[in-house]
PDB file of all heavy atoms in Angstrom:
ATOM      1  N   THR A   1     -21.109  10.020  -1.055  1.00  0.00           N
ATOM      2  CA  THR A   1     -21.916  11.215  -1.317  1.00  0.00           C
ATOM      3  C   THR A   1     -23.321  10.842  -1.771  1.00  0.00           C
ATOM      4  O   THR A   1     -24.253  11.630  -1.605  1.00  0.00           O
ATOM      5  CB  THR A   1     -21.251  12.087  -2.395  1.00  0.00           C
ATOM      6  OG1 THR A   1     -21.093  11.335  -3.601  1.00  0.00           O
ATOM      7  CG2 THR A   1     -19.898  12.591  -1.928  1.00  0.00           C
ATOM      8  N   ARG A   2     -23.464   9.646  -2.332  1.00  0.00           N
ATOM      9  CA  ARG A   2     -24.791   9.160  -2.741  1.00  0.00           C
ATOM     10  C   ARG A   2     -25.465   8.373  -1.623  1.00  0.00           C
ATOM     11  O   ARG A   2     -26.470   7.695  -1.851  1.00  0.00           O
ATOM     12  CB  ARG A   2     -24.660   8.283  -3.982  1.00  0.00           C
ATOM     13  CG  ARG A   2     -24.153   9.053  -5.212  1.00  0.00           C
ATOM     14  CD  ARG A   2     -23.915   8.109  -6.372  1.00  0.00           C
ATOM     15  NE  ARG A   2     -23.436   8.848  -7.549  1.00  0.00           N
ATOM     16  CZ  ARG A   2     -23.026   8.262  -8.678  1.00  0.00           C
ATOM     17  NH1 ARG A   2     -23.031   6.936  -8.770  1.00  0.00           N
ATOM     18  NH2 ARG A   2     -22.619   8.988  -9.684  1.00  0.00           N
ATOM     19  N   GLN A   3     -24.857   8.422  -0.427  1.00  0.00           N
ATOM     20  CA  GLN A   3     -25.396   7.779   0.768  1.00  0.00           C
ATOM     21  C   GLN A   3     -25.470   6.261   0.616  1.00  0.00           C
ATOM     22  O   GLN A   3     -26.362   5.606   1.152  1.00  0.00           O
ATOM     23  CB  GLN A   3     -26.774   8.360   1.115  1.00  0.00           C
ATOM     24  CG  GLN A   3     -26.736   9.856   1.395  1.00  0.00           C
ATOM     25  CD  GLN A   3     -28.078  10.416   1.838  1.00  0.00           C
ATOM     26  OE1 GLN A   3     -29.042   9.682   1.960  1.00  0.00           O
ATOM     27  NE2 GLN A   3     -28.117  11.711   2.095  1.00  0.00           N
ATOM     28  N   ASP A   4     -24.522   5.704  -0.128  1.00  0.00           N
ATOM     29  CA  ASP A   4     -24.385   4.255  -0.251  1.00  0.00           C
ATOM     30  C   ASP A   4     -23.081   3.863   0.432  1.00  0.00           C
ATOM     31  O   ASP A   4     -22.018   3.825  -0.188  1.00  0.00           O
ATOM     32  CB  ASP A   4     -24.371   3.845  -1.728  1.00  0.00           C
ATOM     33  CG  ASP A   4     -24.283   2.342  -1.902  1.00  0.00           C
ATOM     34  OD1 ASP A   4     -24.485   1.625  -0.900  1.00  0.00           O
ATOM     35  OD2 ASP A   4     -23.994   1.885  -3.019  1.00  0.00           O
ATOM     36  N   VAL A   5     -23.166   3.585   1.727  1.00  0.00           N
ATOM     37  CA  VAL A   5     -21.967   3.361   2.526  1.00  0.00           C
ATOM     38  C   VAL A   5     -21.681   1.882   2.708  1.00  0.00           C
ATOM     39  O   VAL A   5     -20.595   1.390   2.369  1.00  0.00           O
ATOM     40  CB  VAL A   5     -22.090   4.048   3.902  1.00  0.00           C
ATOM     41  CG1 VAL A   5     -20.845   3.797   4.743  1.00  0.00           C
ATOM     42  CG2 VAL A   5     -22.329   5.550   3.725  1.00  0.00           C
ATOM     43  N   PHE A   6     -22.645   1.146   3.228  1.00  0.00           N
ATOM     44  CA  PHE A   6     -22.428  -0.261   3.571  1.00  0.00           C
ATOM     45  C   PHE A   6     -22.746  -1.148   2.367  1.00  0.00           C
ATOM     46  O   PHE A   6     -23.856  -1.671   2.235  1.00  0.00           O
ATOM     47  CB  PHE A   6     -23.290  -0.650   4.776  1.00  0.00           C
ATOM     48  CG  PHE A   6     -22.935   0.111   6.020  1.00  0.00           C
ATOM     49  CD1 PHE A   6     -23.692   1.206   6.411  1.00  0.00           C
ATOM     50  CD2 PHE A   6     -21.848  -0.260   6.794  1.00  0.00           C
ATOM     51  CE1 PHE A   6     -23.358   1.906   7.558  1.00  0.00           C
ATOM     52  CE2 PHE A   6     -21.509   0.443   7.938  1.00  0.00           C
ATOM     53  CZ  PHE A   6     -22.269   1.522   8.317  1.00  0.00           C
ATOM     54  N   SER A   7     -21.751  -1.324   1.502  1.00  0.00           N
ATOM     55  CA  SER A   7     -21.929  -2.151   0.310  1.00  0.00           C
ATOM     56  C   SER A   7     -20.656  -2.949   0.056  1.00  0.00           C
ATOM     57  O   SER A   7     -19.561  -2.570   0.484  1.00  0.00           O
ATOM     58  CB  SER A   7     -22.259  -1.290  -0.913  1.00  0.00           C
ATOM     59  OG  SER A   7     -21.170  -0.452  -1.254  1.00  0.00           O
ATOM     60  N   ARG A   8     -20.819  -4.054  -0.674  1.00  0.00           N
ATOM     61  CA  ARG A   8     -19.677  -4.916  -0.973  1.00  0.00           C
ATOM     62  C   ARG A   8     -18.692  -4.243  -1.923  1.00  0.00           C
ATOM     63  O   ARG A   8     -17.491  -4.525  -1.889  1.00  0.00           O
ATOM     64  CB  ARG A   8     -20.160  -6.235  -1.557  1.00  0.00           C
ATOM     65  CG  ARG A   8     -20.848  -7.135  -0.526  1.00  0.00           C
ATOM     66  CD  ARG A   8     -21.100  -8.521  -1.056  1.00  0.00           C
ATOM     67  NE  ARG A   8     -21.626  -9.376  -0.014  1.00  0.00           N
ATOM     68  CZ  ARG A   8     -20.871 -10.100   0.803  1.00  0.00           C
ATOM     69  NH1 ARG A   8     -19.554 -10.023   0.702  1.00  0.00           N
ATOM     70  NH2 ARG A   8     -21.420 -10.873   1.720  1.00  0.00           N
ATOM     71  N   ARG A   9     -19.172  -3.373  -2.792  1.00  0.00           N
ATOM     72  CA  ARG A   9     -18.257  -2.655  -3.685  1.00  0.00           C
ATOM     73  C   ARG A   9     -17.296  -1.778  -2.895  1.00  0.00           C
ATOM     74  O   ARG A   9     -16.102  -1.710  -3.194  1.00  0.00           O
ATOM     75  CB  ARG A   9     -19.053  -1.804  -4.672  1.00  0.00           C
ATOM     76  CG  ARG A   9     -19.697  -2.588  -5.797  1.00  0.00           C
ATOM     77  CD  ARG A   9     -20.312  -1.653  -6.812  1.00  0.00           C
ATOM     78  NE  ARG A   9     -20.881  -2.387  -7.930  1.00  0.00           N
ATOM     79  CZ  ARG A   9     -21.456  -1.807  -8.980  1.00  0.00           C
ATOM     80  NH1 ARG A   9     -21.543  -0.483  -9.029  1.00  0.00           N
ATOM     81  NH2 ARG A   9     -21.948  -2.539  -9.958  1.00  0.00           N
ATOM     82  N   ASN A  10     -17.831  -1.122  -1.881  1.00  0.00           N
ATOM     83  CA  ASN A  10     -16.963  -0.290  -1.043  1.00  0.00           C
ATOM     84  C   ASN A  10     -15.904  -1.133  -0.339  1.00  0.00           C
ATOM     85  O   ASN A  10     -14.758  -0.682  -0.169  1.00  0.00           O
ATOM     86  CB  ASN A  10     -17.789   0.475  -0.013  1.00  0.00           C
ATOM     87  CG  ASN A  10     -18.580   1.603  -0.637  1.00  0.00           C
ATOM     88  OD1 ASN A  10     -18.327   2.000  -1.765  1.00  0.00           O
ATOM     89  ND2 ASN A  10     -19.553   2.119   0.091  1.00  0.00           N
ATOM     90  N   ILE A  11     -16.293  -2.346   0.061  1.00  0.00           N
ATOM     91  CA  ILE A  11     -15.322  -3.235   0.702  1.00  0.00           C
ATOM     92  C   ILE A  11     -14.185  -3.561  -0.255  1.00  0.00           C
ATOM     93  O   ILE A  11     -13.007  -3.506   0.112  1.00  0.00           O
ATOM     94  CB  ILE A  11     -16.013  -4.533   1.178  1.00  0.00           C
ATOM     95  CG1 ILE A  11     -17.007  -4.228   2.303  1.00  0.00           C
ATOM     96  CG2 ILE A  11     -14.971  -5.544   1.652  1.00  0.00           C
ATOM     97  CD1 ILE A  11     -17.811  -5.435   2.741  1.00  0.00           C
ATOM     98  N   ARG A  12     -14.530  -3.906  -1.504  1.00  0.00           N
ATOM     99  CA  ARG A  12     -13.502  -4.260  -2.478  1.00  0.00           C
ATOM    100  C   ARG A  12     -12.551  -3.092  -2.732  1.00  0.00           C
ATOM    101  O   ARG A  12     -11.324  -3.254  -2.760  1.00  0.00           O
ATOM    102  CB  ARG A  12     -14.167  -4.689  -3.787  1.00  0.00           C
ATOM    103  CG  ARG A  12     -13.167  -5.153  -4.841  1.00  0.00           C
ATOM    104  CD  ARG A  12     -13.845  -5.728  -6.057  1.00  0.00           C
ATOM    105  NE  ARG A  12     -14.535  -4.698  -6.831  1.00  0.00           N
ATOM    106  CZ  ARG A  12     -15.839  -4.585  -6.929  1.00  0.00           C
ATOM    107  NH1 ARG A  12     -16.630  -5.440  -6.293  1.00  0.00           N
ATOM    108  NH2 ARG A  12     -16.396  -3.628  -7.651  1.00  0.00           N
ATOM    109  N   TRP A  13     -13.105  -1.898  -2.880  1.00  0.00           N
ATOM    110  CA  TRP A  13     -12.265  -0.726  -3.146  1.00  0.00           C
ATOM    111  C   TRP A  13     -11.420  -0.357  -1.924  1.00  0.00           C
ATOM    112  O   TRP A  13     -10.256   0.008  -2.064  1.00  0.00           O
ATOM    113  CB  TRP A  13     -13.134   0.446  -3.576  1.00  0.00           C
ATOM    114  CG  TRP A  13     -13.693   0.276  -4.957  1.00  0.00           C
ATOM    115  CD1 TRP A  13     -13.101  -0.374  -6.000  1.00  0.00           C
ATOM    116  CD2 TRP A  13     -14.945   0.745  -5.444  1.00  0.00           C
ATOM    117  NE1 TRP A  13     -13.909  -0.334  -7.115  1.00  0.00           N
ATOM    118  CE2 TRP A  13     -15.058   0.357  -6.808  1.00  0.00           C
ATOM    119  CE3 TRP A  13     -15.998   1.463  -4.888  1.00  0.00           C
ATOM    120  CZ2 TRP A  13     -16.152   0.656  -7.594  1.00  0.00           C
ATOM    121  CZ3 TRP A  13     -17.099   1.769  -5.667  1.00  0.00           C
ATOM    122  CH2 TRP A  13     -17.176   1.373  -7.013  1.00  0.00           C
ATOM    123  N   LEU A  14     -12.009  -0.445  -0.738  1.00  0.00           N
ATOM    124  CA  LEU A  14     -11.253  -0.134   0.480  1.00  0.00           C
ATOM    125  C   LEU A  14     -10.118  -1.130   0.697  1.00  0.00           C
ATOM    126  O   LEU A  14      -9.039  -0.754   1.168  1.00  0.00           O
ATOM    127  CB  LEU A  14     -12.187  -0.117   1.687  1.00  0.00           C
ATOM    128  CG  LEU A  14     -13.130   1.098   1.797  1.00  0.00           C
ATOM    129  CD1 LEU A  14     -14.109   0.908   2.945  1.00  0.00           C
ATOM    130  CD2 LEU A  14     -12.335   2.379   1.985  1.00  0.00           C
ATOM    131  N   ARG A  15     -10.342  -2.393   0.346  1.00  0.00           N
ATOM    132  CA  ARG A  15      -9.275  -3.376   0.480  1.00  0.00           C
ATOM    133  C   ARG A  15      -8.132  -3.084  -0.490  1.00  0.00           C
ATOM    134  O   ARG A  15      -6.958  -3.258  -0.147  1.00  0.00           O
ATOM    135  CB  ARG A  15      -9.826  -4.778   0.242  1.00  0.00           C
ATOM    136  CG  ARG A  15     -10.504  -5.366   1.483  1.00  0.00           C
ATOM    137  CD  ARG A  15     -11.132  -6.696   1.211  1.00  0.00           C
ATOM    138  NE  ARG A  15     -11.594  -7.327   2.452  1.00  0.00           N
ATOM    139  CZ  ARG A  15     -12.432  -8.347   2.492  1.00  0.00           C
ATOM    140  NH1 ARG A  15     -12.915  -8.869   1.361  1.00  0.00           N
ATOM    141  NH2 ARG A  15     -12.799  -8.866   3.647  1.00  0.00           N
ATOM    142  N   TRP A  16      -8.462  -2.630  -1.688  1.00  0.00           N
ATOM    143  CA  TRP A  16      -7.416  -2.243  -2.629  1.00  0.00           C
ATOM    144  C   TRP A  16      -6.576  -1.105  -2.049  1.00  0.00           C
ATOM    145  O   TRP A  16      -5.348  -1.103  -2.145  1.00  0.00           O
ATOM    146  CB  TRP A  16      -8.029  -1.812  -3.954  1.00  0.00           C
ATOM    147  CG  TRP A  16      -7.986  -2.870  -5.008  1.00  0.00           C
ATOM    148  CD1 TRP A  16      -9.015  -3.657  -5.452  1.00  0.00           C
ATOM    149  CD2 TRP A  16      -6.839  -3.264  -5.777  1.00  0.00           C
ATOM    150  NE1 TRP A  16      -8.583  -4.512  -6.421  1.00  0.00           N
ATOM    151  CE2 TRP A  16      -7.256  -4.297  -6.657  1.00  0.00           C
ATOM    152  CE3 TRP A  16      -5.514  -2.843  -5.806  1.00  0.00           C
ATOM    153  CZ2 TRP A  16      -6.373  -4.907  -7.544  1.00  0.00           C
ATOM    154  CZ3 TRP A  16      -4.631  -3.452  -6.689  1.00  0.00           C
ATOM    155  CH2 TRP A  16      -5.071  -4.469  -7.541  1.00  0.00           C
ATOM    156  N   ILE A  17      -7.242  -0.137  -1.443  1.00  0.00           N
ATOM    157  CA  ILE A  17      -6.529   1.004  -0.846  1.00  0.00           C
ATOM    158  C   ILE A  17      -5.641   0.534   0.303  1.00  0.00           C
ATOM    159  O   ILE A  17      -4.458   0.889   0.388  1.00  0.00           O
ATOM    160  CB  ILE A  17      -7.537   2.057  -0.357  1.00  0.00           C
ATOM    161  CG1 ILE A  17      -8.322   2.637  -1.535  1.00  0.00           C
ATOM    162  CG2 ILE A  17      -6.821   3.170   0.401  1.00  0.00           C
ATOM    163  CD1 ILE A  17      -9.501   3.484  -1.124  1.00  0.00           C
ATOM    164  N   ALA A  18      -6.208  -0.272   1.203  1.00  0.00           N
ATOM    165  CA  ALA A  18      -5.493  -0.688   2.405  1.00  0.00           C
ATOM    166  C   ALA A  18      -4.289  -1.562   2.066  1.00  0.00           C
ATOM    167  O   ALA A  18      -3.159  -1.294   2.496  1.00  0.00           O
ATOM    168  CB  ALA A  18      -6.443  -1.431   3.342  1.00  0.00           C
ATOM    169  N   TYR A  19      -4.533  -2.617   1.293  1.00  0.00           N
ATOM    170  CA  TYR A  19      -3.431  -3.531   0.982  1.00  0.00           C
ATOM    171  C   TYR A  19      -2.464  -2.900  -0.017  1.00  0.00           C
ATOM    172  O   TYR A  19      -1.279  -3.272  -0.050  1.00  0.00           O
ATOM    173  CB  TYR A  19      -3.983  -4.846   0.450  1.00  0.00           C
ATOM    174  CG  TYR A  19      -4.647  -5.676   1.534  1.00  0.00           C
ATOM    175  CD1 TYR A  19      -6.032  -5.689   1.674  1.00  0.00           C
ATOM    176  CD2 TYR A  19      -3.880  -6.416   2.427  1.00  0.00           C
ATOM    177  CE1 TYR A  19      -6.645  -6.431   2.670  1.00  0.00           C
ATOM    178  CE2 TYR A  19      -4.489  -7.161   3.437  1.00  0.00           C
ATOM    179  CZ  TYR A  19      -5.862  -7.162   3.549  1.00  0.00           C
ATOM    180  OH  TYR A  19      -6.454  -7.897   4.549  1.00  0.00           O
ATOM    181  N   GLY A  20      -2.938  -1.952  -0.824  1.00  0.00           N
ATOM    182  CA  GLY A  20      -2.038  -1.219  -1.708  1.00  0.00           C
ATOM    183  C   GLY A  20      -1.058  -0.375  -0.919  1.00  0.00           C
ATOM    184  O   GLY A  20       0.140  -0.320  -1.238  1.00  0.00           O
ATOM    185  N   GLN A  21      -1.536   0.295   0.131  1.00  0.00           N
ATOM    186  CA  GLN A  21      -0.638   1.092   0.969  1.00  0.00           C
ATOM    187  C   GLN A  21       0.369   0.198   1.681  1.00  0.00           C
ATOM    188  O   GLN A  21       1.545   0.556   1.821  1.00  0.00           O
ATOM    189  CB  GLN A  21      -1.436   1.895   1.989  1.00  0.00           C
ATOM    190  CG  GLN A  21      -0.556   2.781   2.871  1.00  0.00           C
ATOM    191  CD  GLN A  21      -1.347   3.629   3.843  1.00  0.00           C
ATOM    192  OE1 GLN A  21      -2.567   3.600   3.842  1.00  0.00           O
ATOM    193  NE2 GLN A  21      -0.655   4.385   4.675  1.00  0.00           N
ATOM    194  N   LEU A  22      -0.078  -0.979   2.115  1.00  0.00           N
ATOM    195  CA  LEU A  22       0.835  -1.920   2.763  1.00  0.00           C
ATOM    196  C   LEU A  22       1.915  -2.380   1.780  1.00  0.00           C
ATOM    197  O   LEU A  22       3.098  -2.514   2.143  1.00  0.00           O
ATOM    198  CB  LEU A  22       0.049  -3.114   3.294  1.00  0.00           C
ATOM    199  CG  LEU A  22       0.814  -4.109   4.170  1.00  0.00           C
ATOM    200  CD1 LEU A  22       1.345  -3.423   5.432  1.00  0.00           C
ATOM    201  CD2 LEU A  22      -0.080  -5.277   4.553  1.00  0.00           C
ATOM    202  N   ALA A  23       1.519  -2.595   0.519  1.00  0.00           N
ATOM    203  CA  ALA A  23       2.490  -3.004  -0.499  1.00  0.00           C
ATOM    204  C   ALA A  23       3.487  -1.884  -0.793  1.00  0.00           C
ATOM    205  O   ALA A  23       4.691  -2.136  -0.954  1.00  0.00           O
ATOM    206  CB  ALA A  23       1.757  -3.415  -1.779  1.00  0.00           C
ATOM    207  N   VAL A  24       3.010  -0.640  -0.873  1.00  0.00           N
ATOM    208  CA  VAL A  24       3.908   0.493  -1.116  1.00  0.00           C
ATOM    209  C   VAL A  24       4.905   0.651   0.027  1.00  0.00           C
ATOM    210  O   VAL A  24       6.095   0.929  -0.194  1.00  0.00           O
ATOM    211  CB  VAL A  24       3.090   1.788  -1.314  1.00  0.00           C
ATOM    212  CG1 VAL A  24       4.001   3.011  -1.303  1.00  0.00           C
ATOM    213  CG2 VAL A  24       2.315   1.729  -2.622  1.00  0.00           C
ATOM    214  N   THR A  25       4.457   0.452   1.253  1.00  0.00           N
ATOM    215  CA  THR A  25       5.360   0.521   2.402  1.00  0.00           C
ATOM    216  C   THR A  25       6.430  -0.566   2.320  1.00  0.00           C
ATOM    217  O   THR A  25       7.609  -0.326   2.610  1.00  0.00           O
ATOM    218  CB  THR A  25       4.569   0.378   3.711  1.00  0.00           C
ATOM    219  OG1 THR A  25       3.546   1.386   3.767  1.00  0.00           O
ATOM    220  CG2 THR A  25       5.476   0.546   4.915  1.00  0.00           C
ATOM    221  N   SER A  26       6.029  -1.755   1.890  1.00  0.00           N
ATOM    222  CA  SER A  26       6.995  -2.847   1.727  1.00  0.00           C
ATOM    223  C   SER A  26       8.003  -2.530   0.629  1.00  0.00           C
ATOM    224  O   SER A  26       9.197  -2.821   0.761  1.00  0.00           O
ATOM    225  CB  SER A  26       6.252  -4.157   1.410  1.00  0.00           C
ATOM    226  OG  SER A  26       5.335  -4.484   2.431  1.00  0.00           O
ATOM    227  N   LEU A  27       7.540  -1.929  -0.464  1.00  0.00           N
ATOM    228  CA  LEU A  27       8.442  -1.541  -1.549  1.00  0.00           C
ATOM    229  C   LEU A  27       9.435  -0.475  -1.077  1.00  0.00           C
ATOM    230  O   LEU A  27      10.607  -0.498  -1.471  1.00  0.00           O
ATOM    231  CB  LEU A  27       7.634  -1.027  -2.741  1.00  0.00           C
ATOM    232  CG  LEU A  27       6.828  -2.059  -3.529  1.00  0.00           C
ATOM    233  CD1 LEU A  27       5.924  -1.368  -4.544  1.00  0.00           C
ATOM    234  CD2 LEU A  27       7.759  -3.041  -4.229  1.00  0.00           C
ATOM    235  N   SER A  28       8.969   0.450  -0.247  1.00  0.00           N
ATOM    236  CA  SER A  28       9.868   1.472   0.299  1.00  0.00           C
ATOM    237  C   SER A  28      10.948   0.846   1.171  1.00  0.00           C
ATOM    238  O   SER A  28      12.115   1.269   1.144  1.00  0.00           O
ATOM    239  CB  SER A  28       9.072   2.498   1.110  1.00  0.00           C
ATOM    240  OG  SER A  28       8.123   3.155   0.303  1.00  0.00           O
ATOM    241  N   PHE A  29      10.573  -0.170   1.933  1.00  0.00           N
ATOM    242  CA  PHE A  29      11.551  -0.882   2.757  1.00  0.00           C
ATOM    243  C   PHE A  29      12.587  -1.579   1.876  1.00  0.00           C
ATOM    244  O   PHE A  29      13.799  -1.538   2.160  1.00  0.00           O
ATOM    245  CB  PHE A  29      10.835  -1.903   3.641  1.00  0.00           C
ATOM    246  CG  PHE A  29      11.757  -2.772   4.447  1.00  0.00           C
ATOM    247  CD1 PHE A  29      12.322  -2.299   5.622  1.00  0.00           C
ATOM    248  CD2 PHE A  29      12.069  -4.054   4.027  1.00  0.00           C
ATOM    249  CE1 PHE A  29      13.177  -3.092   6.367  1.00  0.00           C
ATOM    250  CE2 PHE A  29      12.929  -4.853   4.764  1.00  0.00           C
ATOM    251  CZ  PHE A  29      13.480  -4.368   5.936  1.00  0.00           C
ATOM    252  N   LEU A  30      12.137  -2.217   0.788  1.00  0.00           N
ATOM    253  CA  LEU A  30      13.053  -2.883  -0.137  1.00  0.00           C
ATOM    254  C   LEU A  30      13.991  -1.884  -0.804  1.00  0.00           C
ATOM    255  O   LEU A  30      15.198  -2.134  -0.950  1.00  0.00           O
ATOM    256  CB  LEU A  30      12.250  -3.644  -1.194  1.00  0.00           C
ATOM    257  CG  LEU A  30      13.048  -4.382  -2.275  1.00  0.00           C
ATOM    258  CD1 LEU A  30      13.901  -5.479  -1.639  1.00  0.00           C
ATOM    259  CD2 LEU A  30      12.109  -4.977  -3.327  1.00  0.00           C
ATOM    260  N   LEU A  31      13.449  -0.728  -1.193  1.00  0.00           N
ATOM    261  CA  LEU A  31      14.268   0.308  -1.819  1.00  0.00           C
ATOM    262  C   LEU A  31      15.310   0.843  -0.848  1.00  0.00           C
ATOM    263  O   LEU A  31      16.482   1.043  -1.209  1.00  0.00           O
ATOM    264  CB  LEU A  31      13.369   1.437  -2.316  1.00  0.00           C
ATOM    265  CG  LEU A  31      14.058   2.634  -2.985  1.00  0.00           C
ATOM    266  CD1 LEU A  31      14.833   2.187  -4.213  1.00  0.00           C
ATOM    267  CD2 LEU A  31      13.032   3.692  -3.360  1.00  0.00           C
ATOM    268  N   ASN A  32      14.905   1.074   0.383  1.00  0.00           N
ATOM    269  CA  ASN A  32      15.838   1.564   1.397  1.00  0.00           C
ATOM    270  C   ASN A  32      16.970   0.565   1.620  1.00  0.00           C
ATOM    271  O   ASN A  32      18.140   0.946   1.767  1.00  0.00           O
ATOM    272  CB  ASN A  32      15.085   1.809   2.705  1.00  0.00           C
ATOM    273  CG  ASN A  32      15.950   2.469   3.761  1.00  0.00           C
ATOM    274  OD1 ASN A  32      16.202   3.656   3.717  1.00  0.00           O
ATOM    275  ND2 ASN A  32      16.409   1.671   4.713  1.00  0.00           N
ATOM    276  N   TRP A  33      16.655  -0.723   1.609  1.00  0.00           N
ATOM    277  CA  TRP A  33      17.674  -1.766   1.795  1.00  0.00           C
ATOM    278  C   TRP A  33      18.677  -1.774   0.654  1.00  0.00           C
ATOM    279  O   TRP A  33      19.891  -1.874   0.880  1.00  0.00           O
ATOM    280  CB  TRP A  33      16.987  -3.120   1.906  1.00  0.00           C
ATOM    281  CG  TRP A  33      17.968  -4.265   1.966  1.00  0.00           C
ATOM    282  CD1 TRP A  33      18.633  -4.730   3.064  1.00  0.00           C
ATOM    283  CD2 TRP A  33      18.414  -5.052   0.857  1.00  0.00           C
ATOM    284  NE1 TRP A  33      19.463  -5.773   2.713  1.00  0.00           N
ATOM    285  CE2 TRP A  33      19.350  -5.996   1.366  1.00  0.00           C
ATOM    286  CE3 TRP A  33      18.105  -5.067  -0.495  1.00  0.00           C
ATOM    287  CZ2 TRP A  33      19.978  -6.925   0.551  1.00  0.00           C
ATOM    288  CZ3 TRP A  33      18.737  -6.001  -1.306  1.00  0.00           C
ATOM    289  CH2 TRP A  33      19.657  -6.910  -0.796  1.00  0.00           C
ATOM    290  N   SER A  34      18.190  -1.660  -0.594  1.00  0.00           N
ATOM    291  CA  SER A  34      19.098  -1.692  -1.745  1.00  0.00           C
ATOM    292  C   SER A  34      20.017  -0.469  -1.759  1.00  0.00           C
ATOM    293  O   SER A  34      21.206  -0.583  -2.085  1.00  0.00           O
ATOM    294  CB  SER A  34      18.291  -1.765  -3.047  1.00  0.00           C
ATOM    295  OG  SER A  34      17.544  -0.571  -3.258  1.00  0.00           O
ATOM    296  N   ILE A  35      19.492   0.703  -1.388  1.00  0.00           N
ATOM    297  CA  ILE A  35      20.331   1.906  -1.325  1.00  0.00           C
ATOM    298  C   ILE A  35      21.379   1.762  -0.230  1.00  0.00           C
ATOM    299  O   ILE A  35      22.548   2.118  -0.409  1.00  0.00           O
ATOM    300  CB  ILE A  35      19.454   3.151  -1.076  1.00  0.00           C
ATOM    301  CG1 ILE A  35      18.519   3.399  -2.266  1.00  0.00           C
ATOM    302  CG2 ILE A  35      20.325   4.387  -0.832  1.00  0.00           C
ATOM    303  CD1 ILE A  35      17.517   4.513  -2.030  1.00  0.00           C
ATOM    304  N   GLU A  36      20.986   1.211   0.902  1.00  0.00           N
ATOM    305  CA  GLU A  36      21.922   1.046   2.013  1.00  0.00           C
ATOM    306  C   GLU A  36      23.059   0.106   1.647  1.00  0.00           C
ATOM    307  O   GLU A  36      24.227   0.340   2.012  1.00  0.00           O
ATOM    308  CB  GLU A  36      21.177   0.524   3.234  1.00  0.00           C
ATOM    309  CG  GLU A  36      22.032   0.473   4.492  1.00  0.00           C
ATOM    310  CD  GLU A  36      21.202   0.183   5.727  1.00  0.00           C
ATOM    311  OE1 GLU A  36      20.815  -0.994   5.904  1.00  0.00           O
ATOM    312  OE2 GLU A  36      20.934   1.106   6.501  1.00  0.00           O
ATOM    313  N   GLN A  37      22.761  -0.977   0.913  1.00  0.00           N
ATOM    314  CA  GLN A  37      23.812  -1.906   0.501  1.00  0.00           C
ATOM    315  C   GLN A  37      24.809  -1.225  -0.430  1.00  0.00           C
ATOM    316  O   GLN A  37      26.027  -1.450  -0.330  1.00  0.00           O
ATOM    317  CB  GLN A  37      23.185  -3.126  -0.185  1.00  0.00           C
ATOM    318  CG  GLN A  37      22.301  -3.969   0.714  1.00  0.00           C
ATOM    319  CD  GLN A  37      23.001  -4.416   1.978  1.00  0.00           C
ATOM    320  OE1 GLN A  37      24.072  -5.017   1.930  1.00  0.00           O
ATOM    321  NE2 GLN A  37      22.403  -4.134   3.122  1.00  0.00           N
ATOM    322  N   ALA A  38      24.307  -0.378  -1.339  1.00  0.00           N
ATOM    323  CA  ALA A  38      25.203   0.347  -2.245  1.00  0.00           C
ATOM    324  C   ALA A  38      26.066   1.345  -1.480  1.00  0.00           C
ATOM    325  O   ALA A  38      27.261   1.498  -1.758  1.00  0.00           O
ATOM    326  CB  ALA A  38      24.383   1.064  -3.317  1.00  0.00           C
ATOM    327  N   VAL A  39      25.497   2.013  -0.498  1.00  0.00           N
ATOM    328  CA  VAL A  39      26.251   2.985   0.306  1.00  0.00           C
ATOM    329  C   VAL A  39      27.347   2.292   1.096  1.00  0.00           C
ATOM    330  O   VAL A  39      28.500   2.751   1.141  1.00  0.00           O
ATOM    331  CB  VAL A  39      25.295   3.749   1.240  1.00  0.00           C
ATOM    332  CG1 VAL A  39      26.068   4.473   2.326  1.00  0.00           C
ATOM    333  CG2 VAL A  39      24.458   4.743   0.458  1.00  0.00           C
ATOM    334  N   LEU A  40      27.032   1.176   1.740  1.00  0.00           N
ATOM    335  CA  LEU A  40      28.015   0.466   2.552  1.00  0.00           C
ATOM    336  C   LEU A  40      29.182  -0.042   1.700  1.00  0.00           C
ATOM    337  O   LEU A  40      30.311  -0.165   2.196  1.00  0.00           O
ATOM    338  CB  LEU A  40      27.349  -0.708   3.276  1.00  0.00           C
ATOM    339  CG  LEU A  40      26.325  -0.334   4.358  1.00  0.00           C
ATOM    340  CD1 LEU A  40      25.660  -1.577   4.917  1.00  0.00           C
ATOM    341  CD2 LEU A  40      26.979   0.465   5.478  1.00  0.00           C
ATOM    342  N   ALA A  41      28.908  -0.336   0.421  1.00  0.00           N
ATOM    343  CA  ALA A  41      29.956  -0.850  -0.455  1.00  0.00           C
ATOM    344  C   ALA A  41      30.814   0.257  -1.056  1.00  0.00           C
ATOM    345  O   ALA A  41      31.949   0.006  -1.457  1.00  0.00           O
ATOM    346  CB  ALA A  41      29.332  -1.694  -1.567  1.00  0.00           C
TER     347      ALA A  41
END
């Protein structure tokens, strides 16, 4: 909104968002696996 788009700070924050979402997706996969093991047992 302040028209500061191409900056290194934005890169750092965008990387946190991107890799954070990837980590959350991985955690969801791990959670799904643990629930499935309990169900099968």
